[in-house]
Amino acid sequence: MEERTVEVHERGFSDHVLVCTNGRESEHACCSEAGGEAVFDAVVEWLRERDLLWSRVYVAETGCLGLCSADGAAIAVHPRSSWYSDVRPDDVAPLLAEEFGPDGSRLGVTAD
């Protein structure tokens, strides 16, 4: 195992957006069927437009975040520890603007 926290921070990384794209065969809702991939794509697009993707903000598809809903995907934003459910692609821009500022300048905020 190699601990690489310092290296990542030295490169300017400050935030992480996790988007659930989990799929499963079940009677219960899952983010895959609720548009998780489209939400992930919208997050990537918003970050790319502000030149934040893979520089200051990492984004990752995840398995279940425990906020399953048929109405949209689940997202977690760290280090601020913000959690959302029922996120649709049209919700991404206002959600990320609220979290990071419209231009993406409010980064590295930690949970209170």
PDB file of N, CA and C in Angstrom:
ATOM      1  N   MET A   1       0.850  -1.177   0.000  1.00  0.00           N
ATOM      2  CA  MET A   1       0.000   0.000   0.000  1.00  0.00           C
ATOM      3  C   MET A   1       0.895   1.240   0.000  1.00  0.00           C
ATOM      4  N   GLU A   2       0.483   2.242  -0.782  1.00  0.00           N
ATOM      5  CA  GLU A   2       1.219   3.497  -0.838  1.00  0.00           C
ATOM      6  C   GLU A   2       0.273   4.656  -0.543  1.00  0.00           C
ATOM      7  N   GLU A   3       0.541   5.402   0.501  1.00  0.00           N
ATOM      8  CA  GLU A   3      -0.265   6.567   0.872  1.00  0.00           C
ATOM      9  C   GLU A   3       0.191   7.740   0.002  1.00  0.00           C
ATOM     10  N   ARG A   4      -0.752   8.401  -0.711  1.00  0.00           N
ATOM     11  CA  ARG A   4      -0.383   9.428  -1.689  1.00  0.00           C
ATOM     12  C   ARG A   4      -1.123  10.744  -1.483  1.00  0.00           C
ATOM     13  N   THR A   5      -1.579  11.012  -0.275  1.00  0.00           N
ATOM     14  CA  THR A   5      -2.349  12.218   0.013  1.00  0.00           C
ATOM     15  C   THR A   5      -1.582  13.478  -0.351  1.00  0.00           C
ATOM     16  N   VAL A   6      -0.343  13.585   0.076  1.00  0.00           N
ATOM     17  CA  VAL A   6       0.452  14.784  -0.186  1.00  0.00           C
ATOM     18  C   VAL A   6       0.586  15.021  -1.688  1.00  0.00           C
ATOM     19  N   GLU A   7       0.876  13.979  -2.429  1.00  0.00           N
ATOM     20  CA  GLU A   7       1.024  14.094  -3.883  1.00  0.00           C
ATOM     21  C   GLU A   7      -0.244  14.635  -4.541  1.00  0.00           C
ATOM     22  N   VAL A   8      -1.381  14.113  -4.139  1.00  0.00           N
ATOM     23  CA  VAL A   8      -2.656  14.546  -4.719  1.00  0.00           C
ATOM     24  C   VAL A   8      -2.917  16.005  -4.369  1.00  0.00           C
ATOM     25  N   HIS A   9      -2.695  16.391  -3.133  1.00  0.00           N
ATOM     26  CA  HIS A   9      -2.921  17.775  -2.725  1.00  0.00           C
ATOM     27  C   HIS A   9      -1.941  18.723  -3.416  1.00  0.00           C
ATOM     28  N   GLU A  10      -0.710  18.307  -3.604  1.00  0.00           N
ATOM     29  CA  GLU A  10       0.270  19.145  -4.296  1.00  0.00           C
ATOM     30  C   GLU A  10      -0.120  19.407  -5.738  1.00  0.00           C
ATOM     31  N   ARG A  11      -0.849  18.502  -6.339  1.00  0.00           N
ATOM     32  CA  ARG A  11      -1.328  18.704  -7.713  1.00  0.00           C
ATOM     33  C   ARG A  11      -2.521  19.647  -7.767  1.00  0.00           C
ATOM     34  N   GLY A  12      -3.041  20.080  -6.607  1.00  0.00           N
ATOM     35  CA  GLY A  12      -4.126  21.047  -6.566  1.00  0.00           C
ATOM     36  C   GLY A  12      -5.501  20.467  -6.333  1.00  0.00           C
ATOM     37  N   PHE A  13      -5.606  19.151  -6.185  1.00  0.00           N
ATOM     38  CA  PHE A  13      -6.904  18.517  -5.932  1.00  0.00           C
ATOM     39  C   PHE A  13      -7.518  19.070  -4.653  1.00  0.00           C
ATOM     40  N   SER A  14      -8.803  19.404  -4.700  1.00  0.00           N
ATOM     41  CA  SER A  14      -9.470  19.914  -3.508  1.00  0.00           C
ATOM     42  C   SER A  14     -10.831  19.293  -3.243  1.00  0.00           C
ATOM     43  N   ASP A  15     -11.480  18.729  -4.251  1.00  0.00           N
ATOM     44  CA  ASP A  15     -12.846  18.242  -4.091  1.00  0.00           C
ATOM     45  C   ASP A  15     -13.063  16.953  -4.877  1.00  0.00           C
ATOM     46  N   HIS A  16     -14.111  16.235  -4.468  1.00  0.00           N
ATOM     47  CA  HIS A  16     -14.454  14.970  -5.113  1.00  0.00           C
ATOM     48  C   HIS A  16     -15.973  14.899  -5.232  1.00  0.00           C
ATOM     49  N   VAL A  17     -16.455  14.617  -6.417  1.00  0.00           N
ATOM     50  CA  VAL A  17     -17.887  14.419  -6.648  1.00  0.00           C
ATOM     51  C   VAL A  17     -18.091  12.945  -6.969  1.00  0.00           C
ATOM     52  N   LEU A  18     -18.895  12.292  -6.160  1.00  0.00           N
ATOM     53  CA  LEU A  18     -19.223  10.883  -6.367  1.00  0.00           C
ATOM     54  C   LEU A  18     -20.643  10.796  -6.912  1.00  0.00           C
ATOM     55  N   VAL A  19     -20.810  10.087  -8.010  1.00  0.00           N
ATOM     56  CA  VAL A  19     -22.128   9.936  -8.633  1.00  0.00           C
ATOM     57  C   VAL A  19     -22.455   8.456  -8.682  1.00  0.00           C
ATOM     58  N   CYS A  20     -23.553   8.084  -8.059  1.00  0.00           N
ATOM     59  CA  CYS A  20     -23.968   6.689  -8.080  1.00  0.00           C
ATOM     60  C   CYS A  20     -24.522   6.327  -9.455  1.00  0.00           C
ATOM     61  N   THR A  21     -23.976   5.273 -10.021  1.00  0.00           N
ATOM     62  CA  THR A  21     -24.480   4.723 -11.287  1.00  0.00           C
ATOM     63  C   THR A  21     -24.793   3.236 -11.094  1.00  0.00           C
ATOM     64  N   ASN A  22     -24.989   2.857  -9.847  1.00  0.00           N
ATOM     65  CA  ASN A  22     -25.193   1.458  -9.488  1.00  0.00           C
ATOM     66  C   ASN A  22     -26.434   0.873 -10.156  1.00  0.00           C
ATOM     67  N   GLY A  23     -26.267  -0.308 -10.681  1.00  0.00           N
ATOM     68  CA  GLY A  23     -27.375  -1.055 -11.245  1.00  0.00           C
ATOM     69  C   GLY A  23     -27.510  -2.384 -10.530  1.00  0.00           C
ATOM     70  N   ARG A  24     -28.705  -2.870 -10.419  1.00  0.00           N
ATOM     71  CA  ARG A  24     -28.921  -4.170  -9.794  1.00  0.00           C
ATOM     72  C   ARG A  24     -30.259  -4.726 -10.250  1.00  0.00           C
ATOM     73  N   GLU A  25     -30.361  -6.017 -10.173  1.00  0.00           N
ATOM     74  CA  GLU A  25     -31.624  -6.676 -10.469  1.00  0.00           C
ATOM     75  C   GLU A  25     -32.354  -6.838  -9.154  1.00  0.00           C
ATOM     76  N   SER A  26     -33.369  -6.017  -8.977  1.00  0.00           N
ATOM     77  CA  SER A  26     -34.081  -6.000  -7.706  1.00  0.00           C
ATOM     78  C   SER A  26     -35.415  -5.303  -7.911  1.00  0.00           C
ATOM     79  N   GLU A  27     -36.279  -5.478  -6.964  1.00  0.00           N
ATOM     80  CA  GLU A  27     -37.550  -4.758  -6.980  1.00  0.00           C
ATOM     81  C   GLU A  27     -37.365  -3.325  -6.499  1.00  0.00           C
ATOM     82  N   HIS A  28     -36.196  -3.015  -5.931  1.00  0.00           N
ATOM     83  CA  HIS A  28     -35.919  -1.688  -5.391  1.00  0.00           C
ATOM     84  C   HIS A  28     -35.269  -0.799  -6.449  1.00  0.00           C
ATOM     85  N   ALA A  29     -35.466   0.487  -6.308  1.00  0.00           N
ATOM     86  CA  ALA A  29     -34.909   1.459  -7.246  1.00  0.00           C
ATOM     87  C   ALA A  29     -33.391   1.455  -7.201  1.00  0.00           C
ATOM     88  N   CYS A  30     -32.786   1.829  -8.320  1.00  0.00           N
ATOM     89  CA  CYS A  30     -31.332   1.991  -8.364  1.00  0.00           C
ATOM     90  C   CYS A  30     -31.000   3.169  -9.270  1.00  0.00           C
ATOM     91  N   CYS A  31     -29.853   3.765  -9.028  1.00  0.00           N
ATOM     92  CA  CYS A  31     -29.457   4.971  -9.760  1.00  0.00           C
ATOM     93  C   CYS A  31     -29.228   4.718 -11.249  1.00  0.00           C
ATOM     94  N   SER A  32     -28.798   3.526 -11.593  1.00  0.00           N
ATOM     95  CA  SER A  32     -28.587   3.200 -12.996  1.00  0.00           C
ATOM     96  C   SER A  32     -29.877   3.383 -13.781  1.00  0.00           C
ATOM     97  N   GLU A  33     -30.948   2.879 -13.265  1.00  0.00           N
ATOM     98  CA  GLU A  33     -32.244   2.985 -13.943  1.00  0.00           C
ATOM     99  C   GLU A  33     -32.860   4.367 -13.794  1.00  0.00           C
ATOM    100  N   ALA A  34     -32.343   5.182 -12.859  1.00  0.00           N
ATOM    101  CA  ALA A  34     -32.885   6.520 -12.618  1.00  0.00           C
ATOM    102  C   ALA A  34     -32.035   7.604 -13.286  1.00  0.00           C
ATOM    103  N   GLY A  35     -31.225   7.230 -14.264  1.00  0.00           N
ATOM    104  CA  GLY A  35     -30.456   8.215 -15.025  1.00  0.00           C
ATOM    105  C   GLY A  35     -29.082   8.533 -14.487  1.00  0.00           C
ATOM    106  N   GLY A  36     -28.501   7.633 -13.707  1.00  0.00           N
ATOM    107  CA  GLY A  36     -27.192   7.862 -13.110  1.00  0.00           C
ATOM    108  C   GLY A  36     -26.104   8.202 -14.121  1.00  0.00           C
ATOM    109  N   GLU A  37     -26.064   7.506 -15.241  1.00  0.00           N
ATOM    110  CA  GLU A  37     -25.035   7.772 -16.263  1.00  0.00           C
ATOM    111  C   GLU A  37     -25.183   9.177 -16.849  1.00  0.00           C
ATOM    112  N   ALA A  38     -26.428   9.591 -17.096  1.00  0.00           N
ATOM    113  CA  ALA A  38     -26.664  10.936 -17.637  1.00  0.00           C
ATOM    114  C   ALA A  38     -26.298  12.006 -16.608  1.00  0.00           C
ATOM    115  N   VAL A  39     -26.544  11.735 -15.338  1.00  0.00           N
ATOM    116  CA  VAL A  39     -26.153  12.668 -14.276  1.00  0.00           C
ATOM    117  C   VAL A  39     -24.627  12.756 -14.220  1.00  0.00           C
ATOM    118  N   PHE A  40     -23.954  11.612 -14.278  1.00  0.00           N
ATOM    119  CA  PHE A  40     -22.492  11.597 -14.299  1.00  0.00           C
ATOM    120  C   PHE A  40     -21.968  12.432 -15.469  1.00  0.00           C
ATOM    121  N   ASP A  41     -22.520  12.236 -16.648  1.00  0.00           N
ATOM    122  CA  ASP A  41     -22.095  12.988 -17.830  1.00  0.00           C
ATOM    123  C   ASP A  41     -22.312  14.488 -17.640  1.00  0.00           C
ATOM    124  N   ALA A  42     -23.419  14.877 -17.018  1.00  0.00           N
ATOM    125  CA  ALA A  42     -23.704  16.299 -16.771  1.00  0.00           C
ATOM    126  C   ALA A  42     -22.706  16.894 -15.773  1.00  0.00           C
ATOM    127  N   VAL A  43     -22.306  16.122 -14.760  1.00  0.00           N
ATOM    128  CA  VAL A  43     -21.293  16.584 -13.810  1.00  0.00           C
ATOM    129  C   VAL A  43     -19.971  16.806 -14.539  1.00  0.00           C
ATOM    130  N   VAL A  44     -19.557  15.845 -15.339  1.00  0.00           N
ATOM    131  CA  VAL A  44     -18.304  15.956 -16.092  1.00  0.00           C
ATOM    132  C   VAL A  44     -18.342  17.187 -17.001  1.00  0.00           C
ATOM    133  N   GLU A  45     -19.444  17.398 -17.692  1.00  0.00           N
ATOM    134  CA  GLU A  45     -19.569  18.538 -18.598  1.00  0.00           C
ATOM    135  C   GLU A  45     -19.454  19.857 -17.845  1.00  0.00           C
ATOM    136  N   TRP A  46     -20.159  19.986 -16.699  1.00  0.00           N
ATOM    137  CA  TRP A  46     -20.123  21.229 -15.911  1.00  0.00           C
ATOM    138  C   TRP A  46     -18.699  21.515 -15.443  1.00  0.00           C
ATOM    139  N   LEU A  47     -18.017  20.506 -14.946  1.00  0.00           N
ATOM    140  CA  LEU A  47     -16.647  20.685 -14.464  1.00  0.00           C
ATOM    141  C   LEU A  47     -15.689  20.997 -15.616  1.00  0.00           C
ATOM    142  N   ARG A  48     -15.854  20.307 -16.730  1.00  0.00           N
ATOM    143  CA  ARG A  48     -14.987  20.530 -17.896  1.00  0.00           C
ATOM    144  C   ARG A  48     -15.142  21.959 -18.419  1.00  0.00           C
ATOM    145  N   GLU A  49     -16.370  22.473 -18.456  1.00  0.00           N
ATOM    146  CA  GLU A  49     -16.615  23.835 -18.931  1.00  0.00           C
ATOM    147  C   GLU A  49     -15.886  24.877 -18.082  1.00  0.00           C
ATOM    148  N   ARG A  50     -15.581  24.558 -16.845  1.00  0.00           N
ATOM    149  CA  ARG A  50     -14.899  25.478 -15.926  1.00  0.00           C
ATOM    150  C   ARG A  50     -13.429  25.108 -15.725  1.00  0.00           C
ATOM    151  N   ASP A  51     -12.961  24.189 -16.542  1.00  0.00           N
ATOM    152  CA  ASP A  51     -11.579  23.716 -16.494  1.00  0.00           C
ATOM    153  C   ASP A  51     -11.192  23.190 -15.107  1.00  0.00           C
ATOM    154  N   LEU A  52     -12.122  22.489 -14.476  1.00  0.00           N
ATOM    155  CA  LEU A  52     -11.893  21.939 -13.134  1.00  0.00           C
ATOM    156  C   LEU A  52     -11.724  20.431 -13.134  1.00  0.00           C
ATOM    157  N   LEU A  53     -12.169  19.785 -14.192  1.00  0.00           N
ATOM    158  CA  LEU A  53     -12.174  18.327 -14.226  1.00  0.00           C
ATOM    159  C   LEU A  53     -10.762  17.769 -14.188  1.00  0.00           C
ATOM    160  N   TRP A  54     -10.511  16.917 -13.236  1.00  0.00           N
ATOM    161  CA  TRP A  54      -9.249  16.228 -13.030  1.00  0.00           C
ATOM    162  C   TRP A  54      -8.088  17.166 -12.718  1.00  0.00           C
ATOM    163  N   SER A  55      -8.388  18.425 -12.412  1.00  0.00           N
ATOM    164  CA  SER A  55      -7.335  19.307 -11.926  1.00  0.00           C
ATOM    165  C   SER A  55      -7.608  19.606 -10.462  1.00  0.00           C
ATOM    166  N   ARG A  56      -8.677  20.314 -10.195  1.00  0.00           N
ATOM    167  CA  ARG A  56      -9.050  20.623  -8.821  1.00  0.00           C
ATOM    168  C   ARG A  56     -10.137  19.684  -8.300  1.00  0.00           C
ATOM    169  N   VAL A  57     -10.974  19.189  -9.182  1.00  0.00           N
ATOM    170  CA  VAL A  57     -12.110  18.364  -8.776  1.00  0.00           C
ATOM    171  C   VAL A  57     -12.047  17.022  -9.495  1.00  0.00           C
ATOM    172  N   TYR A  58     -12.088  15.956  -8.737  1.00  0.00           N
ATOM    173  CA  TYR A  58     -12.181  14.607  -9.301  1.00  0.00           C
ATOM    174  C   TYR A  58     -13.646  14.200  -9.273  1.00  0.00           C
ATOM    175  N   VAL A  59     -14.046  13.411 -10.239  1.00  0.00           N
ATOM    176  CA  VAL A  59     -15.395  12.871 -10.277  1.00  0.00           C
ATOM    177  C   VAL A  59     -15.287  11.370 -10.486  1.00  0.00           C
ATOM    178  N   ALA A  60     -16.143  10.638  -9.816  1.00  0.00           N
ATOM    179  CA  ALA A  60     -16.088   9.181  -9.927  1.00  0.00           C
ATOM    180  C   ALA A  60     -17.497   8.608  -9.900  1.00  0.00           C
ATOM    181  N   GLU A  61     -17.686   7.581 -10.736  1.00  0.00           N
ATOM    182  CA  GLU A  61     -18.899   6.776 -10.652  1.00  0.00           C
ATOM    183  C   GLU A  61     -18.732   5.849  -9.456  1.00  0.00           C
ATOM    184  N   THR A  62     -19.791   5.670  -8.704  1.00  0.00           N
ATOM    185  CA  THR A  62     -19.719   4.794  -7.540  1.00  0.00           C
ATOM    186  C   THR A  62     -20.823   3.758  -7.586  1.00  0.00           C
ATOM    187  N   GLY A  63     -20.672   2.788  -6.707  1.00  0.00           N
ATOM    188  CA  GLY A  63     -21.755   1.874  -6.408  1.00  0.00           C
ATOM    189  C   GLY A  63     -22.731   2.599  -5.487  1.00  0.00           C
ATOM    190  N   CYS A  64     -23.553   1.868  -4.845  1.00  0.00           N
ATOM    191  CA  CYS A  64     -24.640   2.431  -4.042  1.00  0.00           C
ATOM    192  C   CYS A  64     -24.142   3.377  -2.949  1.00  0.00           C
ATOM    193  N   LEU A  65     -24.747   4.568  -2.904  1.00  0.00           N
ATOM    194  CA  LEU A  65     -24.476   5.534  -1.844  1.00  0.00           C
ATOM    195  C   LEU A  65     -25.545   5.473  -0.751  1.00  0.00           C
ATOM    196  N   GLY A  66     -26.504   4.563  -0.912  1.00  0.00           N
ATOM    197  CA  GLY A  66     -27.523   4.377   0.113  1.00  0.00           C
ATOM    198  C   GLY A  66     -28.665   5.375   0.070  1.00  0.00           C
ATOM    199  N   LEU A  67     -28.808   6.093  -1.035  1.00  0.00           N
ATOM    200  CA  LEU A  67     -29.890   7.072  -1.173  1.00  0.00           C
ATOM    201  C   LEU A  67     -30.752   6.737  -2.385  1.00  0.00           C
ATOM    202  N   CYS A  68     -31.025   5.472  -2.573  1.00  0.00           N
ATOM    203  CA  CYS A  68     -31.710   4.963  -3.754  1.00  0.00           C
ATOM    204  C   CYS A  68     -33.080   5.597  -3.953  1.00  0.00           C
ATOM    205  N   SER A  69     -33.383   5.888  -5.211  1.00  0.00           N
ATOM    206  CA  SER A  69     -34.671   6.464  -5.565  1.00  0.00           C
ATOM    207  C   SER A  69     -34.919   6.213  -7.045  1.00  0.00           C
ATOM    208  N   ALA A  70     -36.156   6.044  -7.407  1.00  0.00           N
ATOM    209  CA  ALA A  70     -36.515   5.910  -8.818  1.00  0.00           C
ATOM    210  C   ALA A  70     -36.569   7.283  -9.487  1.00  0.00           C
ATOM    211  N   ASP A  71     -36.453   8.351  -8.687  1.00  0.00           N
ATOM    212  CA  ASP A  71     -36.614   9.713  -9.198  1.00  0.00           C
ATOM    213  C   ASP A  71     -35.316  10.391  -9.611  1.00  0.00           C
ATOM    214  N   GLY A  72     -34.178   9.724  -9.473  1.00  0.00           N
ATOM    215  CA  GLY A  72     -32.911  10.309  -9.881  1.00  0.00           C
ATOM    216  C   GLY A  72     -31.755   9.666  -9.159  1.00  0.00           C
ATOM    217  N   ALA A  73     -30.555  10.090  -9.506  1.00  0.00           N
ATOM    218  CA  ALA A  73     -29.331   9.512  -8.951  1.00  0.00           C
ATOM    219  C   ALA A  73     -28.942  10.171  -7.627  1.00  0.00           C
ATOM    220  N   ALA A  74     -28.019   9.511  -6.932  1.00  0.00           N
ATOM    221  CA  ALA A  74     -27.452  10.043  -5.694  1.00  0.00           C
ATOM    222  C   ALA A  74     -26.072  10.624  -5.995  1.00  0.00           C
ATOM    223  N   ILE A  75     -25.757  11.728  -5.326  1.00  0.00           N
ATOM    224  CA  ILE A  75     -24.462  12.396  -5.460  1.00  0.00           C
ATOM    225  C   ILE A  75     -23.949  12.747  -4.075  1.00  0.00           C
ATOM    226  N   ALA A  76     -22.640  12.597  -3.876  1.00  0.00           N
ATOM    227  CA  ALA A  76     -21.977  13.074  -2.664  1.00  0.00           C
ATOM    228  C   ALA A  76     -20.837  13.997  -3.094  1.00  0.00           C
ATOM    229  N   VAL A  77     -20.681  15.114  -2.382  1.00  0.00           N
ATOM    230  CA  VAL A  77     -19.625  16.079  -2.679  1.00  0.00           C
ATOM    231  C   VAL A  77     -18.739  16.188  -1.442  1.00  0.00           C
ATOM    232  N   HIS A  78     -17.457  15.891  -1.648  1.00  0.00           N
ATOM    233  CA  HIS A  78     -16.514  15.922  -0.527  1.00  0.00           C
ATOM    234  C   HIS A  78     -15.358  16.861  -0.838  1.00  0.00           C
ATOM    235  N   PRO A  79     -14.775  17.539   0.166  1.00  0.00           N
ATOM    236  CA  PRO A  79     -14.787  17.214   1.590  1.00  0.00           C
ATOM    237  C   PRO A  79     -15.930  17.833   2.364  1.00  0.00           C
ATOM    238  N   ARG A  80     -16.817  18.562   1.687  1.00  0.00           N
ATOM    239  CA  ARG A  80     -17.887  19.252   2.411  1.00  0.00           C
ATOM    240  C   ARG A  80     -18.973  18.315   2.926  1.00  0.00           C
ATOM    241  N   SER A  81     -18.943  17.063   2.544  1.00  0.00           N
ATOM    242  CA  SER A  81     -19.895  16.062   3.022  1.00  0.00           C
ATOM    243  C   SER A  81     -21.342  16.444   2.724  1.00  0.00           C
ATOM    244  N   SER A  82     -21.584  16.857   1.485  1.00  0.00           N
ATOM    245  CA  SER A  82     -22.943  17.165   1.024  1.00  0.00           C
ATOM    246  C   SER A  82     -23.477  15.954   0.279  1.00  0.00           C
ATOM    247  N   TRP A  83     -24.710  15.598   0.563  1.00  0.00           N
ATOM    248  CA  TRP A  83     -25.325  14.405  -0.020  1.00  0.00           C
ATOM    249  C   TRP A  83     -26.652  14.787  -0.662  1.00  0.00           C
ATOM    250  N   TYR A  84     -26.904  14.259  -1.859  1.00  0.00           N
ATOM    251  CA  TYR A  84     -28.126  14.562  -2.600  1.00  0.00           C
ATOM    252  C   TYR A  84     -28.720  13.273  -3.157  1.00  0.00           C
ATOM    253  N   SER A  85     -30.033  13.252  -3.261  1.00  0.00           N
ATOM    254  CA  SER A  85     -30.713  12.158  -3.949  1.00  0.00           C
ATOM    255  C   SER A  85     -31.666  12.767  -4.965  1.00  0.00           C
ATOM    256  N   ASP A  86     -32.237  11.923  -5.794  1.00  0.00           N
ATOM    257  CA  ASP A  86     -33.222  12.338  -6.795  1.00  0.00           C
ATOM    258  C   ASP A  86     -32.657  13.351  -7.793  1.00  0.00           C
ATOM    259  N   VAL A  87     -31.354  13.279  -8.077  1.00  0.00           N
ATOM    260  CA  VAL A  87     -30.713  14.232  -8.973  1.00  0.00           C
ATOM    261  C   VAL A  87     -30.921  13.797 -10.419  1.00  0.00           C
ATOM    262  N   ARG A  88     -31.425  14.709 -11.202  1.00  0.00           N
ATOM    263  CA  ARG A  88     -31.607  14.521 -12.637  1.00  0.00           C
ATOM    264  C   ARG A  88     -30.554  15.357 -13.364  1.00  0.00           C
ATOM    265  N   PRO A  89     -30.287  15.078 -14.629  1.00  0.00           N
ATOM    266  CA  PRO A  89     -29.283  15.860 -15.354  1.00  0.00           C
ATOM    267  C   PRO A  89     -29.522  17.375 -15.304  1.00  0.00           C
ATOM    268  N   ASP A  90     -30.779  17.800 -15.378  1.00  0.00           N
ATOM    269  CA  ASP A  90     -31.085  19.236 -15.330  1.00  0.00           C
ATOM    270  C   ASP A  90     -30.806  19.853 -13.958  1.00  0.00           C
ATOM    271  N   ASP A  91     -30.684  19.031 -12.929  1.00  0.00           N
ATOM    272  CA  ASP A  91     -30.391  19.526 -11.583  1.00  0.00           C
ATOM    273  C   ASP A  91     -28.906  19.783 -11.364  1.00  0.00           C
ATOM    274  N   VAL A  92     -28.062  19.210 -12.208  1.00  0.00           N
ATOM    275  CA  VAL A  92     -26.614  19.228 -11.959  1.00  0.00           C
ATOM    276  C   VAL A  92     -26.042  20.639 -11.954  1.00  0.00           C
ATOM    277  N   ALA A  93     -26.339  21.448 -12.953  1.00  0.00           N
ATOM    278  CA  ALA A  93     -25.761  22.792 -13.029  1.00  0.00           C
ATOM    279  C   ALA A  93     -26.094  23.634 -11.797  1.00  0.00           C
ATOM    280  N   PRO A  94     -27.369  23.730 -11.403  1.00  0.00           N
ATOM    281  CA  PRO A  94     -27.637  24.526 -10.200  1.00  0.00           C
ATOM    282  C   PRO A  94     -27.047  23.905  -8.926  1.00  0.00           C
ATOM    283  N   LEU A  95     -27.026  22.583  -8.849  1.00  0.00           N
ATOM    284  CA  LEU A  95     -26.455  21.921  -7.675  1.00  0.00           C
ATOM    285  C   LEU A  95     -24.958  22.233  -7.553  1.00  0.00           C
ATOM    286  N   LEU A  96     -24.209  22.065  -8.641  1.00  0.00           N
ATOM    287  CA  LEU A  96     -22.771  22.330  -8.590  1.00  0.00           C
ATOM    288  C   LEU A  96     -22.466  23.813  -8.446  1.00  0.00           C
ATOM    289  N   ALA A  97     -23.286  24.673  -9.034  1.00  0.00           N
ATOM    290  CA  ALA A  97     -23.102  26.121  -8.845  1.00  0.00           C
ATOM    291  C   ALA A  97     -23.293  26.493  -7.382  1.00  0.00           C
ATOM    292  N   GLU A  98     -24.238  25.866  -6.725  1.00  0.00           N
ATOM    293  CA  GLU A  98     -24.461  26.118  -5.289  1.00  0.00           C
ATOM    294  C   GLU A  98     -23.279  25.602  -4.463  1.00  0.00           C
ATOM    295  N   GLU A  99     -22.780  24.442  -4.802  1.00  0.00           N
ATOM    296  CA  GLU A  99     -21.665  23.853  -4.055  1.00  0.00           C
ATOM    297  C   GLU A  99     -20.342  24.573  -4.311  1.00  0.00           C
ATOM    298  N   PHE A 100     -20.026  24.839  -5.585  1.00  0.00           N
ATOM    299  CA  PHE A 100     -18.707  25.331  -5.977  1.00  0.00           C
ATOM    300  C   PHE A 100     -18.685  26.792  -6.412  1.00  0.00           C
ATOM    301  N   GLY A 101     -19.846  27.450  -6.445  1.00  0.00           N
ATOM    302  CA  GLY A 101     -19.938  28.788  -7.016  1.00  0.00           C
ATOM    303  C   GLY A 101     -20.162  28.672  -8.505  1.00  0.00           C
ATOM    304  N   PRO A 102     -20.852  29.645  -9.102  1.00  0.00           N
ATOM    305  CA  PRO A 102     -21.178  29.558 -10.527  1.00  0.00           C
ATOM    306  C   PRO A 102     -19.967  29.368 -11.433  1.00  0.00           C
ATOM    307  N   ASP A 103     -18.834  29.943 -11.044  1.00  0.00           N
ATOM    308  CA  ASP A 103     -17.632  29.818 -11.863  1.00  0.00           C
ATOM    309  C   ASP A 103     -16.684  28.738 -11.339  1.00  0.00           C
ATOM    310  N   GLY A 104     -17.086  28.040 -10.287  1.00  0.00           N
ATOM    311  CA  GLY A 104     -16.258  26.979  -9.730  1.00  0.00           C
ATOM    312  C   GLY A 104     -15.122  27.470  -8.863  1.00  0.00           C
ATOM    313  N   SER A 105     -15.242  28.651  -8.311  1.00  0.00           N
ATOM    314  CA  SER A 105     -14.149  29.230  -7.527  1.00  0.00           C
ATOM    315  C   SER A 105     -14.214  28.898  -6.035  1.00  0.00           C
ATOM    316  N   ARG A 106     -15.323  28.337  -5.580  1.00  0.00           N
ATOM    317  CA  ARG A 106     -15.475  28.030  -4.150  1.00  0.00           C
ATOM    318  C   ARG A 106     -15.157  26.545  -3.926  1.00  0.00           C
ATOM    319  N   LEU A 107     -13.873  26.223  -3.890  1.00  0.00           N
ATOM    320  CA  LEU A 107     -13.415  24.845  -3.799  1.00  0.00           C
ATOM    321  C   LEU A 107     -12.770  24.591  -2.443  1.00  0.00           C
ATOM    322  N   GLY A 108     -12.670  23.321  -2.083  1.00  0.00           N
ATOM    323  CA  GLY A 108     -11.974  22.927  -0.869  1.00  0.00           C
ATOM    324  C   GLY A 108     -12.700  23.228   0.423  1.00  0.00           C
ATOM    325  N   VAL A 109     -13.988  23.478   0.341  1.00  0.00           N
ATOM    326  CA  VAL A 109     -14.771  23.786   1.534  1.00  0.00           C
ATOM    327  C   VAL A 109     -15.000  22.493   2.303  1.00  0.00           C
ATOM    328  N   THR A 110     -14.766  22.512   3.594  1.00  0.00           N
ATOM    329  CA  THR A 110     -14.995  21.332   4.419  1.00  0.00           C
ATOM    330  C   THR A 110     -16.327  21.438   5.130  1.00  0.00           C
ATOM    331  N   ALA A 111     -16.825  20.306   5.587  1.00  0.00           N
ATOM    332  CA  ALA A 111     -18.090  20.268   6.317  1.00  0.00           C
ATOM    333  C   ALA A 111     -17.935  21.043   7.614  1.00  0.00           C
ATOM    334  N   ASP A 112     -19.008  21.727   7.986  1.00  0.00           N
ATOM    335  CA  ASP A 112     -18.984  22.487   9.249  1.00  0.00           C
ATOM    336  C   ASP A 112     -19.038  21.582  10.449  1.00  0.00           C
TER     337      ASP A 112
END
